[in-house]
Every structure is written in C-alpha cells, then in structure tokens.
C-alpha cells in the first residue's frame, strides 16, 4: 500500500501557475545575444510551478514512450534511433523520484509536455515567468541572497528536490510562486537558438528561428556560477545532448 501511494505521488502532474497576458522588458545589456533590450507582449499562459521530477518523467516512459502521437516528427526519428533513450543510467545514478529529472534530450522533454497536453515554453515565456515584475537579473531582483542554495557559489553542490522540498529550498520563489527558475537545473525551451535572433524577432509572442543547430536552455544549474543563473542568460545546446544538469518544465497555452 505504501509503495502504491508513493507511485501515485510520483506520477501526479505538477501544479500550474497562471501567467496573465502582459508586456515584459526582454533581454539585457549583459551579453550580445541578450540584445536589444525591448518590450515584448505575450498572451496569457500557464507553466509548471516546479521542474518535472524524475518520478513524473519515468511514469511517462512507462506509459507513453511507445505512443507515436506524443512525439514530433524529428522526435519520433530520434526515439526510433534511441529505443531505450540515451540518459537513463545518468538519471538513475543517485537520484530520487522528487529530484528534477536530468539527462533528458530536448526531444524527450518536448514529447513529455505534449503527452501532458502542453509544450515547452518559449524563451520569452520562460523569461516572463522567471522575472515577473522583477527588475532582474534574478527572480527576486538585484544582488545575491544569503542562504540560497542554488549555484556553485553555495556550499551544497547538488540539485534540489522539486516535489517535497525542505523549507530552505523555498525561501525565494518568484513573485508568482514558481520555484527554482534559476540555478537548480537548466531548463529546455521550445526555441531554436541564434545569437542575433532578438534583433529580428517580432515583439508580440516572439518565437525563435524556424530552424537551427541548437535549442535554448535557460536558468543555469547547480554547477554554474550565479552569472549563468539569471532570468536573461541564453545557453545554446544540441537538442540530442544529455546533461546531468539539464531538465525542464512545461507550459500550457490559454487558448
């Protein structure tokens, strides 16, 4: 009975946080690929309060890995080339069900979110959720906070739990209550990365380029210095790569 109860917890979907339609100031002057700084307008959407956990992702693997309908065309080709996935051994090494899932490719993250009835957030949506009504560069504003365990600067160099977190891990959520938007694990977004993509992007519901070599990771990880763990930092990554420091959360359109 206890085992079954824990299994249900692991399989339960994350709480979603509603993000109202609005305008944000996207980008910064910190790096060339974060420029120009401009106002962009987004439709309302919702996003998972926490990163997807190991238990939640493994439930997807058991239930829907073989379902062709949840995979994109490119993702289906990747899955057929990797029928056993590519990061399972990394995910099972010292991980608990309530840790954020890591070592997932972009294709796997995309399929999971499709299965959940959602999608990966765009870069603009992710940034809006992370620094909602905050001047940045962090979700809580400027400056580093004492006692926050979220990056290589701190004493605990490991990913933090997402489902049942100790009190100290929830000291500084975003203004909307999202947790670990920076510094726990990198998070996949839906957008293709290009250094100059901000220069030509529309200012209403912007998306990345239509194609590319890399997808964009956001938020930094427990292995990074604080300068990577900001609301605006952009990190290119091969969509087929697996990292011990990369996970994701899902977004959901409001219409």
C-alpha atoms as a PDB file:
ATOM      1  CA  UNK A   1       0.000   0.000   0.000  1.00  0.00           C
ATOM      2  CA  UNK A   2       2.825   2.416   0.837  1.00  0.00           C
ATOM      3  CA  UNK A   3       4.553   1.614  -2.449  1.00  0.00           C
ATOM      4  CA  UNK A   4       1.388   2.301  -4.402  1.00  0.00           C
ATOM      5  CA  UNK A   5       0.884   5.604  -2.578  1.00  0.00           C
ATOM      6  CA  UNK A   6       4.409   6.770  -3.404  1.00  0.00           C
ATOM      7  CA  UNK A   7       3.911   5.736  -7.022  1.00  0.00           C
ATOM      8  CA  UNK A   8       0.807   7.929  -7.262  1.00  0.00           C
ATOM      9  CA  UNK A   9       2.727  10.892  -5.856  1.00  0.00           C
ATOM     10  CA  UNK A  10       5.497  10.390  -8.401  1.00  0.00           C
ATOM     11  CA  UNK A  11       3.009  10.199 -11.254  1.00  0.00           C
ATOM     12  CA  UNK A  12       0.937  13.218 -10.206  1.00  0.00           C
ATOM     13  CA  UNK A  13       1.201  16.236 -12.517  1.00  0.00           C
ATOM     14  CA  UNK A  14       2.795  19.445 -11.267  1.00  0.00           C
ATOM     15  CA  UNK A  15       0.720  22.385 -10.123  1.00  0.00           C
ATOM     16  CA  UNK A  16       0.320  25.003 -12.852  1.00  0.00           C
ATOM     17  CA  UNK A  17       0.770  28.723 -12.267  1.00  0.00           C
ATOM     18  CA  UNK A  18      -1.237  31.117 -14.444  1.00  0.00           C
ATOM     19  CA  UNK A  19       0.756  33.904 -16.091  1.00  0.00           C
ATOM     20  CA  UNK A  20      -1.503  36.777 -17.202  1.00  0.00           C
ATOM     21  CA  UNK A  21      -1.168  38.392 -20.599  1.00  0.00           C
ATOM     22  CA  UNK A  22       1.135  41.370 -20.483  1.00  0.00           C
ATOM     23  CA  UNK A  23       4.293  43.116 -21.526  1.00  0.00           C
ATOM     24  CA  UNK A  24       7.808  42.458 -20.320  1.00  0.00           C
ATOM     25  CA  UNK A  25      11.172  44.028 -20.943  1.00  0.00           C
ATOM     26  CA  UNK A  26      13.092  41.185 -22.550  1.00  0.00           C
ATOM     27  CA  UNK A  27      16.850  40.916 -22.660  1.00  0.00           C
ATOM     28  CA  UNK A  28      19.706  42.818 -21.050  1.00  0.00           C
ATOM     29  CA  UNK A  29      22.954  44.604 -21.863  1.00  0.00           C
ATOM     30  CA  UNK A  30      24.994  41.863 -20.180  1.00  0.00           C
ATOM     31  CA  UNK A  31      25.717  39.883 -23.349  1.00  0.00           C
ATOM     32  CA  UNK A  32      25.408  40.414 -27.126  1.00  0.00           C
ATOM     33  CA  UNK A  33      22.869  37.606 -27.548  1.00  0.00           C
ATOM     34  CA  UNK A  34      20.579  39.228 -24.943  1.00  0.00           C
ATOM     35  CA  UNK A  35      20.240  42.398 -27.023  1.00  0.00           C
ATOM     36  CA  UNK A  36      18.462  44.525 -27.946  1.00  0.00           C
ATOM     37  CA  UNK A  37      16.513  45.106 -24.761  1.00  0.00           C
ATOM     38  CA  UNK A  38      12.917  45.611 -25.878  1.00  0.00           C
ATOM     39  CA  UNK A  39       9.318  45.446 -24.780  1.00  0.00           C
ATOM     40  CA  UNK A  40       7.514  42.307 -25.920  1.00  0.00           C
ATOM     41  CA  UNK A  41       3.870  41.375 -25.433  1.00  0.00           C
ATOM     42  CA  UNK A  42       2.697  37.872 -24.558  1.00  0.00           C
ATOM     43  CA  UNK A  43      -0.666  36.141 -24.440  1.00  0.00           C
ATOM     44  CA  UNK A  44      -1.724  34.530 -21.182  1.00  0.00           C
ATOM     45  CA  UNK A  45      -0.356  31.041 -20.494  1.00  0.00           C
ATOM     46  CA  UNK A  46       0.377  28.777 -17.565  1.00  0.00           C
ATOM     47  CA  UNK A  47       3.538  26.966 -16.525  1.00  0.00           C
ATOM     48  CA  UNK A  48       4.509  24.227 -14.088  1.00  0.00           C
ATOM     49  CA  UNK A  49       5.287  25.552 -10.613  1.00  0.00           C
ATOM     50  CA  UNK A  50       8.274  23.195 -10.364  1.00  0.00           C
ATOM     51  CA  UNK A  51      10.573  21.388 -12.724  1.00  0.00           C
ATOM     52  CA  UNK A  52       9.398  17.976 -13.911  1.00  0.00           C
ATOM     53  CA  UNK A  53      10.561  15.369 -11.416  1.00  0.00           C
ATOM     54  CA  UNK A  54      12.340  12.095 -12.058  1.00  0.00           C
ATOM     55  CA  UNK A  55       9.277  10.171 -10.898  1.00  0.00           C
ATOM     56  CA  UNK A  56       6.966  12.072 -13.226  1.00  0.00           C
ATOM     57  CA  UNK A  57       9.232  11.524 -16.214  1.00  0.00           C
ATOM     58  CA  UNK A  58       9.727   7.814 -15.539  1.00  0.00           C
ATOM     59  CA  UNK A  59       5.947   7.434 -15.342  1.00  0.00           C
ATOM     60  CA  UNK A  60       5.782   8.959 -18.845  1.00  0.00           C
ATOM     61  CA  UNK A  61       8.439   6.499 -20.058  1.00  0.00           C
ATOM     62  CA  UNK A  62       6.371   3.573 -18.794  1.00  0.00           C
ATOM     63  CA  UNK A  63       3.052   4.873 -20.058  1.00  0.00           C
ATOM     64  CA  UNK A  64       3.684   6.749 -23.300  1.00  0.00           C
ATOM     65  CA  UNK A  65       7.205   6.187 -24.642  1.00  0.00           C
ATOM     66  CA  UNK A  66       5.855   3.962 -27.434  1.00  0.00           C
ATOM     67  CA  UNK A  67       2.998   6.341 -28.338  1.00  0.00           C
ATOM     68  CA  UNK A  68       3.941   7.884 -31.692  1.00  0.00           C
ATOM     69  CA  UNK A  69       1.349  10.632 -31.253  1.00  0.00           C
ATOM     70  CA  UNK A  70       3.251  12.421 -28.478  1.00  0.00           C
ATOM     71  CA  UNK A  71       6.442  12.808 -30.497  1.00  0.00           C
ATOM     72  CA  UNK A  72       7.278  15.470 -33.060  1.00  0.00           C
ATOM     73  CA  UNK A  73       8.445  14.280 -36.467  1.00  0.00           C
ATOM     74  CA  UNK A  74      12.079  14.888 -35.521  1.00  0.00           C
ATOM     75  CA  UNK A  75      11.488  13.450 -32.063  1.00  0.00           C
ATOM     76  CA  UNK A  76       9.980  10.263 -33.468  1.00  0.00           C
ATOM     77  CA  UNK A  77      13.063   9.750 -35.609  1.00  0.00           C
ATOM     78  CA  UNK A  78      15.278  10.346 -32.573  1.00  0.00           C
ATOM     79  CA  UNK A  79      13.252   7.885 -30.467  1.00  0.00           C
ATOM     80  CA  UNK A  80      13.416   5.210 -33.142  1.00  0.00           C
ATOM     81  CA  UNK A  81      17.185   5.682 -33.291  1.00  0.00           C
ATOM     82  CA  UNK A  82      17.361   5.504 -29.470  1.00  0.00           C
ATOM     83  CA  UNK A  83      14.653   2.996 -28.451  1.00  0.00           C
ATOM     84  CA  UNK A  84      15.980   2.861 -24.880  1.00  0.00           C
ATOM     85  CA  UNK A  85      16.550   6.590 -24.570  1.00  0.00           C
ATOM     86  CA  UNK A  86      20.014   7.974 -24.014  1.00  0.00           C
ATOM     87  CA  UNK A  87      20.243   9.189 -20.426  1.00  0.00           C
ATOM     88  CA  UNK A  88      18.541   6.571 -18.267  1.00  0.00           C
ATOM     89  CA  UNK A  89      21.700   5.452 -16.496  1.00  0.00           C
ATOM     90  CA  UNK A  90      22.545   9.045 -15.602  1.00  0.00           C
ATOM     91  CA  UNK A  91      19.007   9.657 -14.354  1.00  0.00           C
ATOM     92  CA  UNK A  92      19.080   6.635 -12.067  1.00  0.00           C
ATOM     93  CA  UNK A  93      22.511   7.375 -10.555  1.00  0.00           C
ATOM     94  CA  UNK A  94      21.835   8.611  -7.041  1.00  0.00           C
ATOM     95  CA  UNK A  95      18.557  10.298  -7.974  1.00  0.00           C
ATOM     96  CA  UNK A  96      15.277  10.247  -6.100  1.00  0.00           C
ATOM     97  CA  UNK A  97      11.771  10.479  -7.541  1.00  0.00           C
ATOM     98  CA  UNK A  98      11.395  14.001  -6.160  1.00  0.00           C
ATOM     99  CA  UNK A  99      14.582  15.315  -7.750  1.00  0.00           C
ATOM    100  CA  UNK A 100      14.241  17.231 -11.015  1.00  0.00           C
ATOM    101  CA  UNK A 101      14.686  14.902 -13.942  1.00  0.00           C
ATOM    102  CA  UNK A 102      18.003  15.385 -15.742  1.00  0.00           C
ATOM    103  CA  UNK A 103      19.791  13.816 -18.714  1.00  0.00           C
ATOM    104  CA  UNK A 104      16.766  14.270 -20.978  1.00  0.00           C
ATOM    105  CA  UNK A 105      17.147  15.409 -24.561  1.00  0.00           C
ATOM    106  CA  UNK A 106      15.063  18.225 -25.992  1.00  0.00           C
ATOM    107  CA  UNK A 107      13.098  15.625 -27.967  1.00  0.00           C
ATOM    108  CA  UNK A 108      12.164  13.735 -24.795  1.00  0.00           C
ATOM    109  CA  UNK A 109      11.208  16.920 -22.951  1.00  0.00           C
ATOM    110  CA  UNK A 110       9.062  18.006 -25.896  1.00  0.00           C
ATOM    111  CA  UNK A 111       7.317  14.610 -26.021  1.00  0.00           C
ATOM    112  CA  UNK A 112       6.619  14.646 -22.277  1.00  0.00           C
ATOM    113  CA  UNK A 113       4.997  18.073 -22.464  1.00  0.00           C
ATOM    114  CA  UNK A 114       2.902  17.041 -25.480  1.00  0.00           C
ATOM    115  CA  UNK A 115       1.749  13.994 -23.513  1.00  0.00           C
ATOM    116  CA  UNK A 116       0.733  16.297 -20.658  1.00  0.00           C
ATOM    117  CA  UNK A 117      -1.307  18.438 -23.054  1.00  0.00           C
ATOM    118  CA  UNK A 118       1.257  21.220 -23.023  1.00  0.00           C
ATOM    119  CA  UNK A 119       4.507  22.232 -24.646  1.00  0.00           C
ATOM    120  CA  UNK A 120       7.894  23.602 -23.770  1.00  0.00           C
ATOM    121  CA  UNK A 121       7.800  27.343 -23.022  1.00  0.00           C
ATOM    122  CA  UNK A 122       9.210  29.831 -25.485  1.00  0.00           C
ATOM    123  CA  UNK A 123      12.229  31.804 -24.333  1.00  0.00           C
ATOM    124  CA  UNK A 124      10.064  34.892 -23.878  1.00  0.00           C
ATOM    125  CA  UNK A 125       7.509  32.981 -21.799  1.00  0.00           C
ATOM    126  CA  UNK A 126      10.215  31.451 -19.649  1.00  0.00           C
ATOM    127  CA  UNK A 127      11.820  34.857 -19.033  1.00  0.00           C
ATOM    128  CA  UNK A 128       8.459  36.459 -18.261  1.00  0.00           C
ATOM    129  CA  UNK A 129       7.631  33.734 -15.729  1.00  0.00           C
ATOM    130  CA  UNK A 130      11.083  33.860 -14.127  1.00  0.00           C
ATOM    131  CA  UNK A 131      11.320  37.624 -13.612  1.00  0.00           C
ATOM    132  CA  UNK A 132       7.650  38.617 -13.461  1.00  0.00           C
ATOM    133  CA  UNK A 133       7.527  42.228 -12.191  1.00  0.00           C
ATOM    134  CA  UNK A 134      11.178  41.981 -11.106  1.00  0.00           C
ATOM    135  CA  UNK A 135      13.956  44.298 -12.291  1.00  0.00           C
ATOM    136  CA  UNK A 136      16.281  41.261 -12.539  1.00  0.00           C
ATOM    137  CA  UNK A 137      18.741  39.881 -13.126  1.00  0.00           C
ATOM    138  CA  UNK A 138      17.351  37.339 -10.637  1.00  0.00           C
ATOM    139  CA  UNK A 139      13.720  36.463  -9.905  1.00  0.00           C
ATOM    140  CA  UNK A 140      13.974  38.316  -6.580  1.00  0.00           C
ATOM    141  CA  UNK A 141      15.668  41.377  -8.135  1.00  0.00           C
ATOM    142  CA  UNK A 142      19.240  42.575  -7.865  1.00  0.00           C
ATOM    143  CA  UNK A 143      22.016  41.147  -5.732  1.00  0.00           C
ATOM    144  CA  UNK A 144      22.692  37.693  -4.335  1.00  0.00           C
ATOM    145  CA  UNK A 145      20.681  36.435  -1.385  1.00  0.00           C
ATOM    146  CA  UNK A 146      22.423  34.899   1.617  1.00  0.00           C
ATOM    147  CA  UNK A 147      21.449  31.340   2.403  1.00  0.00           C
ATOM    148  CA  UNK A 148      20.077  30.481  -1.043  1.00  0.00           C
ATOM    149  CA  UNK A 149      21.283  27.056  -2.138  1.00  0.00           C
ATOM    150  CA  UNK A 150      21.140  27.347  -5.888  1.00  0.00           C
ATOM    151  CA  UNK A 151      24.559  27.607  -7.516  1.00  0.00           C
ATOM    152  CA  UNK A 152      28.250  26.753  -7.381  1.00  0.00           C
ATOM    153  CA  UNK A 153      28.704  29.783  -5.133  1.00  0.00           C
ATOM    154  CA  UNK A 154      26.929  27.913  -2.370  1.00  0.00           C
ATOM    155  CA  UNK A 155      28.049  25.055  -0.167  1.00  0.00           C
ATOM    156  CA  UNK A 156      25.563  22.412  -1.317  1.00  0.00           C
ATOM    157  CA  UNK A 157      26.601  21.464  -4.828  1.00  0.00           C
ATOM    158  CA  UNK A 158      23.677  19.312  -5.922  1.00  0.00           C
ATOM    159  CA  UNK A 159      20.231  19.569  -7.488  1.00  0.00           C
ATOM    160  CA  UNK A 160      17.430  20.265  -5.051  1.00  0.00           C
ATOM    161  CA  UNK A 161      14.174  18.367  -4.791  1.00  0.00           C
ATOM    162  CA  UNK A 162      11.048  19.569  -6.537  1.00  0.00           C
ATOM    163  CA  UNK A 163       8.108  17.608  -5.116  1.00  0.00           C
ATOM    164  CA  UNK A 164       8.712  17.710  -1.369  1.00  0.00           C
ATOM    165  CA  UNK A 165      11.260  20.427  -0.738  1.00  0.00           C
ATOM    166  CA  UNK A 166      12.834  21.411   2.579  1.00  0.00           C
ATOM    167  CA  UNK A 167      11.882  24.862   3.802  1.00  0.00           C
ATOM    168  CA  UNK A 168      15.247  26.387   2.984  1.00  0.00           C
ATOM    169  CA  UNK A 169      14.823  25.472  -0.670  1.00  0.00           C
ATOM    170  CA  UNK A 170      11.677  27.587  -0.987  1.00  0.00           C
ATOM    171  CA  UNK A 171      12.922  30.812   0.599  1.00  0.00           C
ATOM    172  CA  UNK A 172      12.957  32.870  -2.581  1.00  0.00           C
ATOM    173  CA  UNK A 173      10.389  31.699  -5.155  1.00  0.00           C
ATOM    174  CA  UNK A 174       9.344  34.053  -7.935  1.00  0.00           C
ATOM    175  CA  UNK A 175       6.655  36.641  -7.296  1.00  0.00           C
ATOM    176  CA  UNK A 176       4.112  34.238  -8.790  1.00  0.00           C
ATOM    177  CA  UNK A 177       5.275  31.313  -6.654  1.00  0.00           C
ATOM    178  CA  UNK A 178       7.372  29.453  -9.227  1.00  0.00           C
ATOM    179  CA  UNK A 179      10.270  27.543  -7.737  1.00  0.00           C
ATOM    180  CA  UNK A 180      13.842  27.051  -8.888  1.00  0.00           C
ATOM    181  CA  UNK A 181      13.553  29.069 -12.071  1.00  0.00           C
ATOM    182  CA  UNK A 182      17.279  29.756 -11.743  1.00  0.00           C
ATOM    183  CA  UNK A 183      20.181  27.697 -10.512  1.00  0.00           C
ATOM    184  CA  UNK A 184      18.745  24.230  -9.904  1.00  0.00           C
ATOM    185  CA  UNK A 185      18.872  22.612 -13.345  1.00  0.00           C
ATOM    186  CA  UNK A 186      18.971  24.163 -16.800  1.00  0.00           C
ATOM    187  CA  UNK A 187      15.552  24.122 -18.474  1.00  0.00           C
ATOM    188  CA  UNK A 188      14.833  23.401 -22.121  1.00  0.00           C
ATOM    189  CA  UNK A 189      12.732  25.924 -24.047  1.00  0.00           C
ATOM    190  CA  UNK A 190      10.978  25.437 -27.364  1.00  0.00           C
ATOM    191  CA  UNK A 191      13.068  27.997 -29.286  1.00  0.00           C
ATOM    192  CA  UNK A 192      15.934  27.392 -31.625  1.00  0.00           C
ATOM    193  CA  UNK A 193      18.948  29.421 -30.570  1.00  0.00           C
ATOM    194  CA  UNK A 194      20.657  32.084 -32.657  1.00  0.00           C
ATOM    195  CA  UNK A 195      22.908  34.757 -31.258  1.00  0.00           C
ATOM    196  CA  UNK A 196      21.138  37.506 -33.206  1.00  0.00           C
ATOM    197  CA  UNK A 197      17.561  36.219 -33.002  1.00  0.00           C
ATOM    198  CA  UNK A 198      16.369  39.083 -30.799  1.00  0.00           C
ATOM    199  CA  UNK A 199      17.309  41.591 -33.487  1.00  0.00           C
ATOM    200  CA  UNK A 200      14.732  40.310 -35.959  1.00  0.00           C
ATOM    201  CA  UNK A 201      12.076  38.810 -33.677  1.00  0.00           C
ATOM    202  CA  UNK A 202       8.539  40.138 -33.548  1.00  0.00           C
ATOM    203  CA  UNK A 203       7.575  41.953 -30.366  1.00  0.00           C
ATOM    204  CA  UNK A 204       4.278  40.056 -29.981  1.00  0.00           C
ATOM    205  CA  UNK A 205       4.539  36.435 -28.804  1.00  0.00           C
ATOM    206  CA  UNK A 206       8.098  36.159 -30.142  1.00  0.00           C
ATOM    207  CA  UNK A 207       9.468  32.803 -31.185  1.00  0.00           C
ATOM    208  CA  UNK A 208      12.969  31.738 -32.079  1.00  0.00           C
ATOM    209  CA  UNK A 209      14.173  30.987 -35.628  1.00  0.00           C
ATOM    210  CA  UNK A 210      12.257  28.368 -37.619  1.00  0.00           C
ATOM    211  CA  UNK A 211      15.283  26.051 -37.620  1.00  0.00           C
ATOM    212  CA  UNK A 212      18.799  25.829 -36.320  1.00  0.00           C
ATOM    213  CA  UNK A 213      21.558  23.706 -34.816  1.00  0.00           C
ATOM    214  CA  UNK A 214      20.848  24.329 -31.133  1.00  0.00           C
ATOM    215  CA  UNK A 215      17.898  24.708 -28.857  1.00  0.00           C
ATOM    216  CA  UNK A 216      17.994  27.183 -25.977  1.00  0.00           C
ATOM    217  CA  UNK A 217      18.466  26.302 -22.321  1.00  0.00           C
ATOM    218  CA  UNK A 218      17.580  28.797 -19.587  1.00  0.00           C
ATOM    219  CA  UNK A 219      18.161  29.352 -15.882  1.00  0.00           C
ATOM    220  CA  UNK A 220      21.602  27.944 -15.135  1.00  0.00           C
ATOM    221  CA  UNK A 221      22.184  24.985 -12.824  1.00  0.00           C
ATOM    222  CA  UNK A 222      23.627  23.892  -9.503  1.00  0.00           C
ATOM    223  CA  UNK A 223      27.001  23.566 -11.266  1.00  0.00           C
ATOM    224  CA  UNK A 224      27.082  27.129 -12.586  1.00  0.00           C
ATOM    225  CA  UNK A 225      28.187  30.449 -11.179  1.00  0.00           C
ATOM    226  CA  UNK A 226      25.434  32.990 -10.459  1.00  0.00           C
ATOM    227  CA  UNK A 227      26.214  34.902 -13.676  1.00  0.00           C
ATOM    228  CA  UNK A 228      24.679  31.996 -15.628  1.00  0.00           C
ATOM    229  CA  UNK A 229      21.695  31.670 -13.311  1.00  0.00           C
ATOM    230  CA  UNK A 230      19.796  34.790 -14.326  1.00  0.00           C
ATOM    231  CA  UNK A 231      16.454  35.489 -15.959  1.00  0.00           C
ATOM    232  CA  UNK A 232      18.082  36.575 -19.231  1.00  0.00           C
ATOM    233  CA  UNK A 233      21.075  34.279 -19.844  1.00  0.00           C
ATOM    234  CA  UNK A 234      20.731  32.159 -23.007  1.00  0.00           C
ATOM    235  CA  UNK A 235      22.574  28.877 -23.458  1.00  0.00           C
ATOM    236  CA  UNK A 236      22.726  27.029 -26.810  1.00  0.00           C
ATOM    237  CA  UNK A 237      22.619  23.222 -26.677  1.00  0.00           C
ATOM    238  CA  UNK A 238      22.372  20.361 -29.146  1.00  0.00           C
ATOM    239  CA  UNK A 239      18.772  19.059 -28.821  1.00  0.00           C
ATOM    240  CA  UNK A 240      20.072  15.474 -28.702  1.00  0.00           C
ATOM    241  CA  UNK A 241      22.557  16.126 -25.877  1.00  0.00           C
ATOM    242  CA  UNK A 242      22.038  14.773 -22.366  1.00  0.00           C
ATOM    243  CA  UNK A 243      23.394  16.670 -19.372  1.00  0.00           C
ATOM    244  CA  UNK A 244      23.402  15.811 -15.693  1.00  0.00           C
ATOM    245  CA  UNK A 245      22.474  19.462 -15.171  1.00  0.00           C
ATOM    246  CA  UNK A 246      19.576  19.882 -17.638  1.00  0.00           C
ATOM    247  CA  UNK A 247      15.860  19.319 -17.113  1.00  0.00           C
ATOM    248  CA  UNK A 248      12.650  21.161 -17.985  1.00  0.00           C
ATOM    249  CA  UNK A 249       9.146  22.289 -17.055  1.00  0.00           C
ATOM    250  CA  UNK A 250       6.060  22.515 -19.276  1.00  0.00           C
ATOM    251  CA  UNK A 251       3.930  25.464 -20.378  1.00  0.00           C
ATOM    252  CA  UNK A 252       0.284  25.485 -21.491  1.00  0.00           C
ATOM    253  CA  UNK A 253      -1.488  27.820 -23.876  1.00  0.00           C
ATOM    254  CA  UNK A 254      -4.615  29.526 -22.562  1.00  0.00           C
ATOM    255  CA  UNK A 255      -6.446  29.133 -25.852  1.00  0.00           C
END
